[in-house]
Protein backbone atom coordinates (compact mmCIF):
# COMPACT_ATOMS: atom_id res chain seq x y z
CA MET A 1 26.41 86.39 113.77
CA ALA A 2 27.66 87.78 110.48
CA PHE A 3 25.61 86.92 107.40
CA THR A 4 26.78 87.32 103.83
CA PRO A 5 24.35 86.55 101.02
CA LEU A 6 25.58 84.39 98.16
CA HIS A 7 25.59 85.14 94.43
CA ASP A 8 23.08 87.86 93.44
CA ARG A 9 21.15 87.93 96.70
CA VAL A 10 20.67 91.00 98.93
CA LEU A 11 19.93 91.25 102.65
CA VAL A 12 17.41 94.03 103.33
CA GLU A 13 16.00 95.70 106.47
CA ARG A 14 12.50 97.12 106.00
CA VAL A 15 12.01 100.84 106.59
CA GLU A 16 8.82 101.46 108.56
CA SER A 17 6.30 103.70 106.86
CA ASP A 18 4.79 106.84 108.37
CA GLU A 19 2.02 106.40 110.93
CA LYS A 20 0.09 109.38 109.56
CA THR A 21 -1.34 110.13 106.15
CA ALA A 22 -0.52 113.37 104.30
CA GLY A 23 -3.80 114.78 105.71
CA GLY A 24 -2.78 114.01 109.28
CA LEU A 25 -4.90 110.90 109.91
CA ILE A 26 -3.26 108.27 112.11
CA ILE A 27 -3.11 104.81 110.53
CA PRO A 28 -3.78 101.98 112.98
CA ASP A 29 -1.48 98.93 112.99
CA SER A 30 -4.28 96.70 111.69
CA ALA A 31 -4.61 98.82 108.52
CA LYS A 32 -0.90 99.16 107.78
CA GLU A 33 0.70 97.23 104.95
CA LYS A 34 4.22 95.93 105.14
CA PRO A 35 6.54 98.62 103.75
CA ALA A 36 8.08 98.07 100.33
CA GLU A 37 11.09 100.22 101.13
CA GLY A 38 14.23 99.07 102.79
CA LEU A 39 17.92 99.55 103.48
CA VAL A 40 20.42 97.16 102.00
CA VAL A 41 22.36 95.53 104.85
CA ALA A 42 24.63 93.21 102.83
CA VAL A 43 25.06 92.04 99.22
CA GLY A 44 26.49 88.93 97.63
CA ALA A 45 29.45 88.93 95.26
CA GLY A 46 27.19 88.75 92.18
CA ALA A 47 26.07 86.02 89.84
CA LYS A 48 28.36 84.45 87.21
CA ASP A 49 27.75 84.63 83.51
CA ASP A 50 28.19 81.77 81.02
CA ASP A 51 31.94 82.36 80.83
CA GLY A 52 32.34 82.21 84.61
CA ASP A 53 32.95 85.96 84.96
CA ARG A 54 31.33 87.74 87.90
CA ILE A 55 28.47 90.18 87.10
CA ALA A 56 28.82 93.27 89.32
CA MET A 57 25.92 94.09 91.64
CA ASP A 58 24.05 97.39 91.03
CA VAL A 59 23.24 97.89 94.76
CA LYS A 60 25.53 98.19 97.72
CA ALA A 61 25.18 98.15 101.48
CA GLY A 62 23.52 101.33 102.70
CA ASP A 63 21.36 101.92 99.60
CA LYS A 64 17.69 102.73 100.20
CA ILE A 65 15.63 100.60 97.81
CA LEU A 66 12.11 99.97 96.64
CA PHE A 67 11.00 96.36 96.12
CA GLY A 68 7.90 94.41 95.21
CA LYS A 69 5.18 93.82 97.81
CA TRP A 70 5.72 90.04 97.91
CA SER A 71 9.48 90.03 97.29
CA GLY A 72 11.99 88.15 99.38
CA THR A 73 12.02 85.64 102.16
CA GLU A 74 11.78 86.76 105.78
CA VAL A 75 14.70 85.71 107.96
CA THR A 76 15.86 86.56 111.49
CA VAL A 77 19.49 87.51 111.92
CA ASP A 78 20.77 88.63 115.36
CA GLY A 79 17.16 89.15 116.51
CA LYS A 80 16.32 91.47 113.58
CA GLU A 81 13.56 90.69 111.05
CA LEU A 82 15.23 91.00 107.61
CA LEU A 83 14.46 90.01 104.02
CA ILE A 84 16.73 88.13 101.67
CA MET A 85 15.93 88.58 97.98
CA LYS A 86 17.47 88.41 94.56
CA GLU A 87 18.78 91.63 93.09
CA SER A 88 16.24 91.27 90.27
CA ASP A 89 13.42 91.66 92.87
CA ILE A 90 14.60 95.22 93.56
CA LEU A 91 12.61 97.80 91.59
CA GLY A 92 14.98 100.73 92.12
CA ILE A 93 17.28 102.74 94.32
CA ILE A 94 15.77 105.75 96.11
CA ALA A 95 18.01 108.81 95.91
């Protein structure tokens, strides 16, 4: 199933964090937090301003992003756990 977000929404796939700390300790699943990094899968066309003109999106499919811990709504598309969020929930693009 193809899914295209509407307006200024973005479909994101979480990027799993490392299973080891910088010091080499293995982090058990029970102690892991959900990652706040992800890859943009799809973007909407952008919101409209007061004049009806489209506001261009700052992110595009394939961008690696950082988002807030509680951002987005979890959805399942084609058996994959994804997040859908507003572009304003995205904190930045990771280069």
